[in-house]
Protein backbone atom coordinates (compact mmCIF):
# COMPACT_ATOMS: atom_id res chain seq x y z
CA UNK A 1 32.78 -15.17 8.33
CA UNK A 2 30.49 -17.36 10.43
CA UNK A 3 27.08 -16.96 8.84
CA UNK A 4 23.83 -17.80 10.61
CA UNK A 5 21.63 -19.19 7.85
CA UNK A 6 19.31 -21.63 9.64
CA UNK A 7 16.58 -19.22 10.72
CA UNK A 8 13.03 -19.92 9.58
CA UNK A 9 11.32 -17.12 11.52
CA UNK A 10 13.90 -14.40 10.91
CA UNK A 11 15.71 -12.89 7.92
CA UNK A 12 17.37 -9.70 6.76
CA UNK A 13 15.29 -8.68 3.76
CA UNK A 14 17.42 -5.71 2.73
CA UNK A 15 19.80 -3.08 4.12
CA UNK A 16 20.67 0.39 2.87
CA UNK A 17 21.65 3.88 4.04
CA UNK A 18 22.15 3.12 7.71
CA UNK A 19 19.13 0.83 8.17
CA UNK A 20 18.18 -2.82 7.84
CA UNK A 21 14.81 -4.28 6.93
CA UNK A 22 14.11 -7.48 8.86
CA UNK A 23 11.38 -10.09 9.10
CA UNK A 24 10.74 -11.27 12.65
CA UNK A 25 8.11 -13.97 12.24
CA UNK A 26 4.99 -12.27 10.90
CA UNK A 27 6.31 -8.73 11.45
CA UNK A 28 8.67 -6.49 9.50
CA UNK A 29 10.96 -4.09 11.35
CA UNK A 30 13.23 -1.29 10.16
CA UNK A 31 16.13 -0.68 12.52
CA UNK A 32 19.31 1.46 12.40
CA UNK A 33 22.60 -0.29 11.68
CA UNK A 34 25.82 1.78 11.68
CA UNK A 35 27.64 -0.77 9.52
CA UNK A 36 25.25 -0.21 6.63
CA UNK A 37 27.17 2.59 4.91
CA UNK A 38 26.05 1.72 1.36
CA UNK A 39 23.14 3.41 -0.40
CA UNK A 40 21.70 0.71 -2.58
CA UNK A 41 18.20 1.06 -4.12
CA UNK A 42 15.38 0.22 -1.71
CA UNK A 43 13.30 -1.96 -4.01
CA UNK A 44 11.84 -4.33 -1.42
CA UNK A 45 8.20 -3.38 -0.66
CA UNK A 46 8.81 -3.85 3.06
CA UNK A 47 10.54 -0.47 3.20
CA UNK A 48 7.10 1.09 2.72
CA UNK A 49 4.94 -1.52 4.46
CA UNK A 50 6.85 -2.18 7.66
CA UNK A 51 5.20 -3.13 10.97
CA UNK A 52 7.44 -0.82 13.02
CA UNK A 53 10.43 1.43 12.58
CA UNK A 54 12.96 2.61 15.13
CA UNK A 55 13.78 6.28 14.56
CA UNK A 56 16.86 7.77 16.14
CA UNK A 57 16.59 11.15 17.88
CA UNK A 58 18.98 14.00 17.18
CA UNK A 59 19.44 14.36 20.93
CA UNK A 60 20.31 10.70 21.46
CA UNK A 61 18.27 7.54 21.83
CA UNK A 62 15.14 7.21 19.77
CA UNK A 63 11.65 5.72 19.67
CA UNK A 64 9.58 3.11 17.87
CA UNK A 65 6.99 4.09 15.29
CA UNK A 66 4.62 1.13 15.59
CA UNK A 67 2.02 0.56 12.89
CA UNK A 68 0.88 -3.02 13.52
CA UNK A 69 3.01 -4.59 16.20
CA UNK A 70 2.02 -6.53 19.35
CA UNK A 71 3.76 -5.99 22.67
CA UNK A 72 5.44 -9.37 22.32
CA UNK A 73 5.50 -12.44 20.08
CA UNK A 74 7.63 -15.54 19.56
CA UNK A 75 10.08 -16.78 16.94
CA UNK A 76 11.77 -20.18 16.64
CA UNK A 77 15.34 -21.14 15.85
CA UNK A 78 15.58 -24.70 14.60
CA UNK A 79 13.36 -27.27 16.26
CA UNK A 80 14.27 -26.66 19.89
CA UNK A 81 14.66 -22.95 20.63
CA UNK A 82 11.80 -20.46 21.05
CA UNK A 83 12.41 -16.82 21.92
CA UNK A 84 10.07 -14.08 23.13
CA UNK A 85 10.48 -10.88 21.13
CA UNK A 86 9.71 -7.50 22.71
CA UNK A 87 10.78 -4.26 20.97
CA UNK A 88 12.47 -2.14 23.61
CA UNK A 89 14.57 0.99 24.04
CA UNK A 90 17.60 1.57 21.85
CA UNK A 91 16.25 -0.53 18.94
CA UNK A 92 16.72 -3.93 20.63
CA UNK A 93 14.29 -6.84 20.38
CA UNK A 94 15.77 -9.29 22.90
CA UNK A 95 17.63 -11.51 20.42
CA UNK A 96 20.78 -11.03 18.36
CA UNK A 97 20.00 -13.30 15.37
CA UNK A 98 23.60 -13.57 14.13
CA UNK A 99 24.48 -15.43 17.35
CA UNK A 100 22.78 -18.53 15.94
CA UNK A 101 26.17 -19.62 14.58
CA UNK A 102 27.56 -19.61 18.13
CA UNK A 103 24.52 -21.42 19.53
CA UNK A 104 25.06 -24.17 16.96
CA UNK A 105 28.75 -24.39 17.85
CA UNK A 106 28.07 -24.61 21.59
CA UNK A 107 25.30 -27.19 21.22
CA UNK A 108 27.46 -29.35 18.97
CA UNK A 109 30.41 -29.23 21.38
CA UNK A 110 28.21 -30.10 24.37
CA UNK A 111 26.42 -32.96 22.63
CA UNK A 112 29.68 -34.48 21.39
CA UNK A 113 31.53 -34.14 24.70
CA UNK A 114 30.29 -37.48 26.05
CA UNK A 115 30.29 -36.18 29.62
CA UNK A 116 28.36 -33.71 31.79
CA UNK A 117 29.23 -30.13 30.87
CA UNK A 118 28.77 -27.04 33.04
CA UNK A 119 28.52 -23.67 31.26
CA UNK A 120 28.98 -20.16 32.65
CA UNK A 121 27.15 -17.55 30.57
CA UNK A 122 28.30 -14.00 31.43
CA UNK A 123 26.54 -10.80 30.35
CA UNK A 124 23.90 -13.35 29.45
CA UNK A 125 21.18 -10.87 28.42
CA UNK A 126 17.87 -12.63 27.59
CA UNK A 127 19.43 -16.06 27.67
CA UNK A 128 19.49 -17.33 24.09
CA UNK A 129 22.86 -19.02 24.64
CA UNK A 130 21.70 -20.27 28.06
CA UNK A 131 18.64 -21.88 26.49
CA UNK A 132 20.70 -23.40 23.67
CA UNK A 133 23.24 -24.96 26.05
CA UNK A 134 20.51 -26.28 28.35
CA UNK A 135 18.71 -27.80 25.36
CA UNK A 136 21.95 -29.58 24.44
CA UNK A 137 22.12 -31.14 27.92
CA UNK A 138 24.48 -28.84 29.83
CA UNK A 139 23.99 -27.33 33.27
CA UNK A 140 24.18 -23.55 32.99
CA UNK A 141 24.91 -20.61 35.28
CA UNK A 142 23.30 -17.51 33.75
CA UNK A 143 24.64 -14.16 35.02
CA UNK A 144 23.46 -10.66 34.13
CA UNK A 145 23.33 -7.45 36.15
CA UNK A 146 19.83 -6.51 34.93
CA UNK A 147 17.02 -8.23 36.81
CA UNK A 148 14.57 -7.62 33.96
CA UNK A 149 16.85 -9.39 31.47
CA UNK A 150 17.19 -12.41 33.76
CA UNK A 151 13.40 -12.63 34.04
CA UNK A 152 13.13 -12.44 30.26
CA UNK A 153 15.68 -15.25 30.00
CA UNK A 154 13.54 -17.35 32.34
CA UNK A 155 10.60 -16.77 29.99
CA UNK A 156 12.70 -17.93 27.04
CA UNK A 157 13.67 -21.07 28.95
CA UNK A 158 10.00 -21.74 29.66
CA UNK A 159 9.02 -21.18 26.02
CA UNK A 160 11.81 -23.50 24.85
CA UNK A 161 10.83 -26.26 27.26
CA UNK A 162 14.03 -26.18 29.31
CA UNK A 163 12.82 -24.40 32.45
CA UNK A 164 13.21 -27.64 34.42
CA UNK A 165 16.86 -28.09 33.39
CA UNK A 166 19.70 -27.29 35.84
CA UNK A 167 20.00 -23.52 35.29
CA UNK A 168 21.15 -21.09 37.98
CA UNK A 169 19.71 -17.61 37.46
CA UNK A 170 22.04 -14.95 38.90
CA UNK A 171 21.47 -11.17 39.03
CA UNK A 172 24.92 -9.75 39.72
CA UNK A 173 27.90 -7.86 38.38
CA UNK A 174 29.77 -10.40 36.26
CA UNK A 175 33.29 -9.61 37.47
CA UNK A 176 32.30 -9.65 41.14
CA UNK A 177 30.42 -12.91 40.65
CA UNK A 178 33.44 -14.54 39.00
CA UNK A 179 35.70 -13.37 41.82
CA UNK A 180 33.39 -15.03 44.35
CA UNK A 181 33.20 -18.24 42.31
CA UNK A 182 37.00 -18.40 42.29
CA UNK A 183 37.09 -18.02 46.07
CA UNK A 184 34.41 -20.71 46.40
CA UNK A 185 36.43 -23.05 44.19
CA UNK A 186 33.61 -23.51 41.69
CA UNK A 187 34.69 -24.42 38.16
CA UNK A 188 33.03 -24.59 34.72
CA UNK A 189 33.78 -26.59 31.59
CA UNK A 190 32.71 -23.86 29.17
CA UNK A 191 32.33 -20.08 29.26
CA UNK A 192 30.34 -17.76 27.02
CA UNK A 193 30.70 -14.01 27.40
CA UNK A 194 29.05 -11.11 25.59
CA UNK A 195 30.55 -8.03 27.28
CA UNK A 196 29.22 -4.57 26.36
CA UNK A 197 31.33 -2.06 24.44
CA UNK A 198 30.66 0.53 27.12
CA UNK A 199 28.81 0.56 30.42
CA UNK A 200 28.72 1.52 34.06
CA UNK A 201 28.76 -0.84 37.02
CA UNK A 202 26.44 -0.63 40.05
CA UNK A 203 28.99 1.56 41.84
CA UNK A 204 29.46 3.89 38.89
CA UNK A 205 32.53 2.04 37.58
CA UNK A 206 33.16 2.70 33.89
CA UNK A 207 33.55 -0.31 31.59
CA UNK A 208 35.34 0.17 28.26
CA UNK A 209 35.82 -3.01 26.29
CA UNK A 210 39.21 -2.05 24.84
CA UNK A 211 40.59 -1.35 28.33
CA UNK A 212 38.77 -3.94 30.43
CA UNK A 213 38.49 -7.04 28.23
CA UNK A 214 42.02 -8.37 28.83
CA UNK A 215 41.89 -8.26 32.67
CA UNK A 216 38.32 -9.57 32.63
CA UNK A 217 39.16 -12.56 30.42
CA UNK A 218 42.24 -13.26 32.55
CA UNK A 219 39.97 -13.27 35.61
CA UNK A 220 37.41 -15.53 33.95
CA UNK A 221 40.07 -18.07 33.01
CA UNK A 222 40.34 -18.77 36.75
CA UNK A 223 36.93 -20.49 36.83
CA UNK A 224 37.66 -22.95 34.02
CA UNK A 225 37.86 -26.61 35.02
CA UNK A 226 40.99 -28.72 34.54
CA UNK A 227 39.44 -30.19 31.39
CA UNK A 228 37.66 -27.25 29.73
CA UNK A 229 35.64 -27.70 26.56
CA UNK A 230 35.25 -24.26 24.97
CA UNK A 231 35.17 -20.50 25.45
CA UNK A 232 33.22 -18.02 23.29
CA UNK A 233 33.95 -14.28 23.39
CA UNK A 234 31.65 -11.89 21.51
CA UNK A 235 32.47 -8.32 20.53
CA UNK A 236 30.40 -5.60 18.89
CA UNK A 237 33.19 -3.03 19.19
CA UNK A 238 34.41 -2.23 15.68
CA UNK A 239 37.89 -1.38 16.99
CA UNK A 240 38.45 -4.98 18.09
CA UNK A 241 39.08 -7.09 15.00
CA UNK A 242 38.80 -10.88 14.98
CA UNK A 243 42.61 -11.11 14.96
CA UNK A 244 42.75 -9.07 18.20
CA UNK A 245 40.34 -11.51 19.85
CA UNK A 246 42.41 -14.44 18.58
CA UNK A 247 45.61 -12.96 20.04
CA UNK A 248 43.90 -12.43 23.39
CA UNK A 249 42.43 -15.93 23.48
CA UNK A 250 45.66 -17.63 22.40
CA UNK A 251 47.62 -15.71 25.04
CA UNK A 252 45.27 -16.71 27.86
CA UNK A 253 43.53 -19.99 27.05
CA UNK A 254 45.81 -21.78 24.58
CA UNK A 255 48.91 -20.92 26.60
CA UNK A 256 47.36 -22.49 29.69
CA UNK A 257 45.24 -25.33 28.31
CA UNK A 258 46.49 -26.03 24.79
CA UNK A 259 43.90 -26.29 22.04
CA UNK A 260 43.41 -23.47 19.55
CA UNK A 261 41.50 -20.25 18.99
CA UNK A 262 39.64 -19.05 15.92
CA UNK A 263 37.89 -15.73 15.41
CA UNK A 264 35.65 -14.52 12.60
CA UNK A 265 33.10 -11.88 11.82
CA UNK A 266 29.51 -12.95 12.40
CA UNK A 267 27.10 -12.38 9.55
CA UNK A 268 23.54 -12.69 8.32
CA UNK A 269 22.44 -13.35 4.72
CA UNK A 270 20.60 -10.50 3.00
CA UNK A 271 17.80 -11.72 0.75
CA UNK A 272 17.68 -8.77 -1.64
CA UNK A 273 21.41 -8.64 -2.47
CA UNK A 274 22.55 -12.20 -1.81
CA UNK A 275 25.41 -10.77 0.26
CA UNK A 276 26.09 -11.00 4.00
CA UNK A 277 25.60 -8.25 6.57
CA UNK A 278 28.50 -8.12 9.08
CA UNK A 279 27.30 -8.14 12.69
CA UNK A 280 30.31 -7.98 14.98
CA UNK A 281 32.93 -10.61 15.74
CA UNK A 282 33.38 -13.69 17.90
CA UNK A 283 36.28 -15.82 19.05
CA UNK A 284 36.02 -19.51 19.91
CA UNK A 285 38.61 -21.42 21.85
CA UNK A 286 38.40 -25.19 22.16
CA UNK A 287 40.47 -28.21 23.09
């Protein structure tokens, strides 16, 4: 498991019976987590004194019960990354904290490369990986289909002091954008992708990760440069194990470029138990 344990402004305080208790800076949130199937005693006082709780509805979706929570605030990761937090629909806050392990990996690879590195960040959401790569010195192309998420990513770049770095902000369907980049002959040294488990495209197209990931990754391999540095694939679909991601990556990237792939679960330390909360999986390919 790749564990993100360098946060100062975030931690999982406890988790039990389908929920996790988290500290986001000065605020404590309770959010649903389907992986938390255990029913351990809820001894931490935060379970009773939380700042906000996301309650699921029996008819789908849910809503926040806010006791003492601002509309937005900031948290820091390490010395260089600052993210704007905004509780929004479907329990999200704008940052997936377990991805810190991948940010560290990408920054380390970029800083050690000894040459200019261009990164393509697909399904880039609010831009945490974009900001991390830019802070490490890479040029980044940030692509997401939601205009509001791209604007949020711009705010994160501003807060982290990298707004003046070479970042292209693209609002587009990721597959269609990649197809056009291939036709234009544009290439990238590194690719990060965080595709959804399920979604619909602008034309009503249905995306299912288990069915669409292989052809999408094959397509994306066409924009890698002749001397690529790394690829990161994230998955929150429980049906796709790390070994499945490894097989996919080895079959596409290692077969073409050499190097090797490694996949692991991503995890966050839990203060109360001393154990780690699993938070999806990721695969890294590198030369």
